[in-house]
Amino acid sequence: MKTTAGKDLSEYHLSLLKKRNITTPLEFMTANNLNKLLAINVEDIVNIKRELQPLLVSSAKLNELYQPEPFNYSTGIKELDALLDRIGQPLRPGRVWELCGETDVGKTELLYTLAVNFVSQYKESNQQVLFIDNKHSFSSRRFNQILLERKLDTATINKCLSVIHVAEVTTAKNFIETLEGMLETCFTYADNNDIMANIKLVIVDSVTASFMFMCSNFGRNQGRYFLTELAMLVRKLASKYGIAFVLGNLTMSYDSDEDGTEATDELQFQTGSMLGAYWSSVSTLTLALELPEGNNSDGLRQVNVLKNCYGISTGSCVLRITDAGVI
């Protein structure tokens, strides 16, 4: 990679770039913190990028800009995959999903199942899951039970459990720090020599738990700041590193406002979303997990589409909670 801006990059610089999977003009142009990585002045990096820009434009190819058949994951749940196919939003690298529902409806069970199904299906390619537990209720025993109910051998169970990494966070700040650490790891270990660099799915149970106690005026302002930081981190990890997210979120229903009159749709939206209107712009798909009307005793749950940025925004399917997870 020769330039006339300052010194030519040395073989040592090129080896550093190669270790971070930065081997093309496009990758060099979009990489961050190159001055720190290469120990070069920011001005020199800017000049090098300026000289590389014509190469980037002239070498662009149509098949690099447009991929007609991007890679899709499977949730491992037949009815859910069918619904996602109907609405045009399969689970895919870089997608950000939100799973909403009231307390005890079964959100955690569905999140556990998605984690287990993911590592079970993609264990050969070493694709791993980061499960962020904001509620301090993570149950490794439940994960083990789900795998045992599927009649898997001990070696397979141990393999699946070893690639589900759990991070318990106590505050919104800890939550932010966890994702910041992941972002740093993705950049530093882009050659996949680190466990965190192999994480392709992040599941959060639940986003709300880190923010629901920020109810004072100061707390709300601090909460908005942390939500903004969280949104930017999620979007960067998704768009730049192709990590898929499934974010659990608590919703609550209100039939009336404080003076006892019937609540307006606007009030219901603001109170029901828990994290406010701003957060609703983060996800590409929002699903609601609910009890089917008139039936709440046999494990049945209904999944409704609330928002879809890439296709049809209505649809539903019925799932069942079993000892082997959600099916």
Protein backbone atom coordinates (compact mmCIF):
# COMPACT_ATOMS: atom_id res chain seq x y z
CA MET A 1 0.00 0.00 0.00
CA LYS A 2 2.22 2.84 -1.29
CA THR A 3 1.37 6.53 -0.98
CA THR A 4 3.23 9.81 -1.38
CA ALA A 5 1.70 11.20 1.82
CA GLY A 6 4.44 11.13 4.42
CA LYS A 7 6.30 7.86 4.80
CA ASP A 8 5.25 4.74 2.95
CA LEU A 9 3.65 2.19 5.23
CA SER A 10 6.30 -0.28 6.33
CA GLU A 11 6.08 -4.06 6.25
CA TYR A 12 5.44 -3.91 9.99
CA HIS A 13 2.48 -1.58 9.41
CA LEU A 14 1.13 -3.89 6.73
CA SER A 15 1.41 -6.90 9.03
CA LEU A 16 -0.53 -5.04 11.71
CA LEU A 17 -3.24 -4.22 9.18
CA LYS A 18 -3.38 -7.81 7.95
CA LYS A 19 -3.84 -9.10 11.51
CA ARG A 20 -6.92 -6.87 11.77
CA ASN A 21 -8.23 -8.14 8.41
CA ILE A 22 -7.57 -4.73 6.82
CA THR A 23 -6.24 -5.75 3.41
CA THR A 24 -8.14 -3.60 0.87
CA PRO A 25 -8.52 0.16 0.26
CA LEU A 26 -12.19 -0.07 1.33
CA GLU A 27 -11.30 -1.73 4.64
CA PHE A 28 -8.56 0.85 5.25
CA MET A 29 -10.93 3.74 4.46
CA THR A 30 -13.62 2.52 6.87
CA ALA A 31 -11.33 1.42 9.73
CA ASN A 32 -11.23 3.46 12.94
CA ASN A 33 -8.34 4.36 15.24
CA LEU A 34 -5.70 3.61 12.61
CA ASN A 35 -3.43 6.25 14.08
CA LYS A 36 -3.34 4.31 17.36
CA LEU A 37 -2.96 0.96 15.66
CA LEU A 38 -0.10 2.07 13.41
CA ALA A 39 1.38 4.77 15.69
CA ILE A 40 1.03 7.33 12.89
CA ASN A 41 -0.18 10.92 13.10
CA VAL A 42 -3.85 11.47 12.37
CA GLU A 43 -2.92 13.93 9.61
CA ASP A 44 -0.89 11.25 7.82
CA ILE A 45 -3.79 8.78 8.04
CA VAL A 46 -6.11 11.42 6.55
CA ASN A 47 -3.69 12.06 3.68
CA ILE A 48 -3.29 8.35 2.97
CA LYS A 49 -7.08 7.90 2.91
CA ARG A 50 -7.40 10.89 0.58
CA GLU A 51 -4.99 9.30 -1.90
CA LEU A 52 -6.69 5.93 -1.63
CA GLN A 53 -10.12 7.35 -2.46
CA PRO A 54 -9.68 7.24 -6.27
CA LEU A 55 -8.62 3.60 -5.99
CA LEU A 56 -11.70 2.85 -3.96
CA VAL A 57 -14.05 4.42 -6.50
CA SER A 58 -12.41 2.86 -9.54
CA SER A 59 -12.25 -0.64 -8.08
CA ALA A 60 -15.85 -0.90 -6.91
CA LYS A 61 -17.67 -3.90 -8.37
CA LEU A 62 -21.39 -4.48 -8.61
CA ASN A 63 -21.23 -7.86 -6.86
CA GLU A 64 -19.45 -6.21 -3.93
CA LEU A 65 -22.13 -3.53 -3.57
CA TYR A 66 -25.18 -5.74 -3.98
CA GLN A 67 -25.71 -9.24 -2.68
CA PRO A 68 -29.03 -10.70 -3.97
CA GLU A 69 -28.94 -13.64 -1.54
CA PRO A 70 -27.53 -12.57 1.85
CA PHE A 71 -26.91 -15.21 4.49
CA ASN A 72 -29.80 -15.95 6.84
CA TYR A 73 -29.80 -17.66 10.21
CA SER A 74 -32.63 -19.87 11.42
CA THR A 75 -34.26 -19.33 14.80
CA GLY A 76 -34.70 -23.10 15.03
CA ILE A 77 -38.43 -22.59 15.70
CA LYS A 78 -40.47 -23.69 12.69
CA GLU A 79 -43.52 -21.46 13.15
CA LEU A 80 -41.42 -18.40 13.97
CA ASP A 81 -39.19 -18.92 10.92
CA ALA A 82 -42.31 -19.21 8.77
CA LEU A 83 -43.64 -15.92 10.16
CA LEU A 84 -40.31 -14.19 9.56
CA ASP A 85 -40.27 -15.48 6.00
CA ARG A 86 -43.80 -14.13 5.40
CA ILE A 87 -42.90 -10.65 6.63
CA GLY A 88 -39.55 -10.55 4.85
CA GLN A 89 -37.29 -10.32 7.89
CA PRO A 90 -35.37 -13.51 8.68
CA LEU A 91 -32.75 -13.50 11.43
CA ARG A 92 -29.70 -12.19 9.61
CA PRO A 93 -26.27 -10.78 10.53
CA GLY A 94 -26.64 -7.12 11.44
CA ARG A 95 -30.32 -7.25 12.33
CA VAL A 96 -31.59 -5.78 15.60
CA TRP A 97 -34.74 -7.34 17.03
CA GLU A 98 -36.75 -6.33 20.05
CA LEU A 99 -38.88 -8.87 21.92
CA CYS A 100 -41.55 -7.18 24.03
CA GLY A 101 -43.94 -8.60 26.56
CA GLU A 102 -45.39 -8.23 30.02
CA THR A 103 -43.87 -9.83 33.11
CA ASP A 104 -43.95 -13.66 33.22
CA VAL A 105 -45.28 -14.06 29.68
CA GLY A 106 -42.28 -16.20 28.69
CA LYS A 107 -39.80 -13.78 27.10
CA THR A 108 -36.85 -15.32 28.94
CA GLU A 109 -37.88 -18.82 27.83
CA LEU A 110 -37.93 -17.66 24.21
CA LEU A 111 -34.57 -15.92 24.58
CA TYR A 112 -33.04 -19.06 26.13
CA THR A 113 -34.41 -21.12 23.26
CA LEU A 114 -33.01 -18.76 20.62
CA ALA A 115 -29.57 -18.97 22.26
CA VAL A 116 -29.61 -22.77 22.47
CA ASN A 117 -30.94 -23.18 18.92
CA PHE A 118 -28.30 -20.84 17.53
CA VAL A 119 -25.29 -22.60 19.04
CA SER A 120 -26.80 -26.02 18.28
CA GLN A 121 -27.21 -25.23 14.60
CA TYR A 122 -23.94 -23.36 14.05
CA LYS A 123 -21.57 -25.15 16.43
CA GLU A 124 -19.45 -26.50 13.56
CA SER A 125 -18.60 -22.96 12.39
CA ASN A 126 -17.87 -21.89 15.99
CA GLN A 127 -20.46 -19.11 15.97
CA GLN A 128 -21.14 -18.10 19.53
CA VAL A 129 -23.67 -16.22 21.66
CA LEU A 130 -23.27 -13.51 24.28
CA PHE A 131 -26.19 -13.59 26.72
CA ILE A 132 -26.38 -10.34 28.71
CA ASP A 133 -28.37 -10.87 31.90
CA ASN A 134 -29.67 -7.58 33.31
CA LYS A 135 -32.21 -9.24 35.63
CA HIS A 136 -29.80 -11.44 37.61
CA SER A 137 -31.98 -14.44 36.88
CA PHE A 138 -29.82 -16.41 34.45
CA SER A 139 -30.26 -20.17 34.86
CA SER A 140 -27.56 -22.45 33.47
CA ARG A 141 -29.67 -25.33 34.80
CA ARG A 142 -32.50 -24.34 32.45
CA PHE A 143 -30.10 -24.29 29.48
CA ASN A 144 -28.88 -27.73 30.44
CA GLN A 145 -32.45 -29.01 30.80
CA ILE A 146 -33.41 -27.77 27.33
CA LEU A 147 -30.46 -29.61 25.81
CA LEU A 148 -31.11 -32.80 27.81
CA GLU A 149 -34.76 -32.84 26.70
CA ARG A 150 -33.53 -32.92 23.12
CA LYS A 151 -31.74 -36.22 23.77
CA LEU A 152 -28.31 -34.83 22.93
CA ASP A 153 -25.15 -36.61 24.03
CA THR A 154 -22.95 -35.20 26.79
CA ALA A 155 -20.20 -34.02 24.43
CA THR A 156 -22.68 -32.05 22.30
CA ILE A 157 -24.31 -30.51 25.37
CA ASN A 158 -20.95 -29.43 26.76
CA LYS A 159 -19.97 -27.98 23.38
CA CYS A 160 -23.18 -25.95 23.18
CA LEU A 161 -22.87 -24.66 26.74
CA SER A 162 -19.24 -23.67 26.19
CA VAL A 163 -20.11 -21.23 23.39
CA ILE A 164 -22.89 -19.40 25.28
CA HIS A 165 -21.10 -16.66 27.19
CA VAL A 166 -22.99 -14.94 30.00
CA ALA A 167 -22.38 -11.38 31.19
CA GLU A 168 -24.27 -10.22 34.28
CA VAL A 169 -24.64 -6.45 34.41
CA THR A 170 -25.94 -4.45 37.35
CA THR A 171 -26.45 -0.95 35.96
CA ALA A 172 -26.97 0.88 32.70
CA LYS A 173 -23.36 1.99 32.89
CA ASN A 174 -22.19 -1.62 33.21
CA PHE A 175 -24.37 -2.49 30.24
CA ILE A 176 -22.67 0.21 28.14
CA GLU A 177 -19.23 -0.89 29.30
CA THR A 178 -19.95 -4.50 28.30
CA LEU A 179 -20.79 -3.50 24.72
CA GLU A 180 -17.89 -1.06 24.57
CA GLY A 181 -15.59 -3.91 25.54
CA MET A 182 -17.12 -6.07 22.85
CA LEU A 183 -16.62 -3.33 20.25
CA GLU A 184 -12.98 -2.96 21.24
CA THR A 185 -12.51 -6.73 21.04
CA CYS A 186 -14.10 -6.92 17.59
CA PHE A 187 -11.59 -4.34 16.35
CA THR A 188 -8.55 -5.69 18.17
CA TYR A 189 -9.16 -9.37 17.39
CA ALA A 190 -10.60 -9.15 13.91
CA ASP A 191 -8.53 -12.20 12.98
CA ASN A 192 -10.86 -14.30 15.18
CA ASN A 193 -8.18 -15.27 17.69
CA ASP A 194 -10.36 -14.16 20.58
CA ILE A 195 -13.56 -15.71 21.92
CA MET A 196 -15.49 -12.44 21.75
CA ALA A 197 -14.61 -12.02 18.08
CA ASN A 198 -16.59 -15.20 17.32
CA ILE A 199 -19.80 -13.91 18.89
CA LYS A 200 -22.39 -13.49 16.16
CA LEU A 201 -25.55 -13.16 18.27
CA VAL A 202 -26.13 -10.98 21.34
CA ILE A 203 -29.22 -11.65 23.45
CA VAL A 204 -30.22 -9.23 26.21
CA ASP A 205 -32.60 -10.11 29.04
CA SER A 206 -33.69 -7.42 29.47
CA VAL A 207 -32.87 -3.89 28.36
CA THR A 208 -35.53 -2.45 30.65
CA ALA A 209 -34.00 -3.86 33.83
CA SER A 210 -31.04 -1.47 33.55
CA PHE A 211 -33.22 1.62 33.17
CA MET A 212 -36.51 1.14 34.99
CA PHE A 213 -35.30 2.66 38.27
CA MET A 214 -34.20 5.91 36.64
CA CYS A 215 -37.46 7.66 37.46
CA SER A 216 -36.32 10.94 39.05
CA ASN A 217 -35.67 14.01 36.90
CA PHE A 218 -31.93 13.40 37.16
CA GLY A 219 -32.38 9.71 36.57
CA ARG A 220 -34.44 10.27 33.43
CA ASN A 221 -31.83 12.58 31.95
CA GLN A 222 -29.08 10.10 32.78
CA GLY A 223 -31.21 7.31 31.35
CA ARG A 224 -31.65 9.17 28.06
CA TYR A 225 -27.89 9.64 27.85
CA PHE A 226 -27.24 5.93 28.44
CA LEU A 227 -29.97 4.95 25.96
CA THR A 228 -28.32 7.13 23.32
CA GLU A 229 -24.95 5.50 24.01
CA LEU A 230 -26.56 2.06 23.94
CA ALA A 231 -28.32 2.72 20.63
CA MET A 232 -25.09 3.88 18.97
CA LEU A 233 -23.15 0.85 20.23
CA VAL A 234 -25.80 -1.62 19.09
CA ARG A 235 -26.03 -0.03 15.66
CA LYS A 236 -22.25 0.00 15.20
CA LEU A 237 -21.80 -3.62 16.29
CA ALA A 238 -24.67 -4.65 14.01
CA SER A 239 -23.80 -2.65 10.90
CA LYS A 240 -20.00 -2.82 10.98
CA TYR A 241 -19.39 -6.28 12.44
CA GLY A 242 -22.55 -8.10 11.35
CA ILE A 243 -23.65 -9.05 14.87
CA ALA A 244 -27.32 -9.87 15.29
CA PHE A 245 -29.17 -8.63 18.38
CA VAL A 246 -32.31 -9.83 20.15
CA LEU A 247 -33.23 -7.35 22.89
CA GLY A 248 -35.79 -8.26 25.53
CA ASN A 249 -37.97 -5.39 26.69
CA LEU A 250 -40.72 -5.16 29.30
CA THR A 251 -44.07 -3.68 28.37
CA MET A 252 -46.94 -2.77 30.66
CA SER A 253 -50.61 -2.13 29.92
CA TYR A 254 -52.51 0.86 31.29
CA ASP A 255 -56.27 1.21 30.88
CA SER A 256 -56.57 4.71 32.31
CA ASP A 257 -54.55 7.77 33.24
CA GLU A 258 -54.00 9.15 36.74
CA ASP A 259 -57.36 10.90 37.08
CA GLY A 260 -59.27 7.76 36.20
CA THR A 261 -60.33 8.78 32.70
CA GLU A 262 -59.71 6.60 29.71
CA ALA A 263 -56.11 6.87 28.48
CA THR A 264 -55.36 8.24 25.04
CA ASP A 265 -53.46 6.21 22.49
CA GLU A 266 -50.50 8.56 22.93
CA LEU A 267 -50.42 8.04 26.68
CA GLN A 268 -50.70 4.28 26.30
CA PHE A 269 -47.79 4.28 23.85
CA GLN A 270 -45.59 6.36 26.12
CA THR A 271 -46.22 4.34 29.23
CA GLY A 272 -46.39 0.97 27.51
CA SER A 273 -43.04 1.27 25.74
CA MET A 274 -41.16 1.65 29.09
CA LEU A 275 -38.06 3.06 27.38
CA GLY A 276 -39.83 5.84 25.49
CA ALA A 277 -40.38 6.75 21.87
CA TYR A 278 -36.68 7.25 21.09
CA TRP A 279 -35.84 3.61 21.78
CA SER A 280 -38.46 2.45 19.28
CA SER A 281 -36.20 3.63 16.44
CA VAL A 282 -33.37 1.26 17.39
CA SER A 283 -34.77 -2.12 16.33
CA THR A 284 -35.42 -3.28 12.79
CA LEU A 285 -38.12 -5.66 14.01
CA THR A 286 -40.29 -5.52 17.12
CA LEU A 287 -42.19 -8.63 18.21
CA ALA A 288 -44.65 -8.90 21.09
CA LEU A 289 -45.01 -12.14 23.04
CA GLU A 290 -48.51 -12.47 24.49
CA LEU A 291 -50.92 -14.97 26.00
CA PRO A 292 -53.51 -16.11 23.44
CA GLU A 293 -56.93 -14.77 24.27
CA GLY A 294 -58.87 -17.20 26.47
CA ASN A 295 -56.00 -19.69 26.80
CA ASN A 296 -53.15 -19.36 29.29
CA SER A 297 -52.84 -22.81 30.88
CA ASP A 298 -51.12 -25.06 28.34
CA GLY A 299 -47.97 -23.13 27.45
CA LEU A 300 -49.34 -21.50 24.30
CA ARG A 301 -48.02 -18.07 23.41
CA GLN A 302 -48.75 -15.77 20.50
CA VAL A 303 -46.07 -13.73 18.73
CA ASN A 304 -47.33 -10.54 17.07
CA VAL A 305 -45.38 -8.26 14.74
CA LEU A 306 -45.46 -4.67 16.02
CA LYS A 307 -42.88 -3.06 13.71
CA ASN A 308 -40.87 -4.17 10.70
CA CYS A 309 -38.43 -1.92 8.85
CA TYR A 310 -37.88 -4.35 5.97
CA GLY A 311 -41.28 -5.69 5.01
CA ILE A 312 -44.80 -6.41 6.16
CA SER A 313 -45.53 -4.96 9.60
CA THR A 314 -48.41 -7.27 10.56
CA GLY A 315 -48.55 -10.98 11.25
CA SER A 316 -48.52 -13.52 14.05
CA CYS A 317 -47.79 -17.11 14.96
CA VAL A 318 -48.50 -19.39 17.91
CA LEU A 319 -45.69 -21.03 19.89
CA ARG A 320 -45.64 -23.37 22.85
CA ILE A 321 -43.38 -23.38 25.93
CA THR A 322 -42.18 -26.91 26.73
CA ASP A 323 -39.44 -28.56 28.78
CA ALA A 324 -37.34 -28.60 25.61
CA GLY A 325 -37.76 -24.85 25.14
CA VAL A 326 -40.14 -22.89 22.93
CA ILE A 327 -41.37 -24.79 19.88
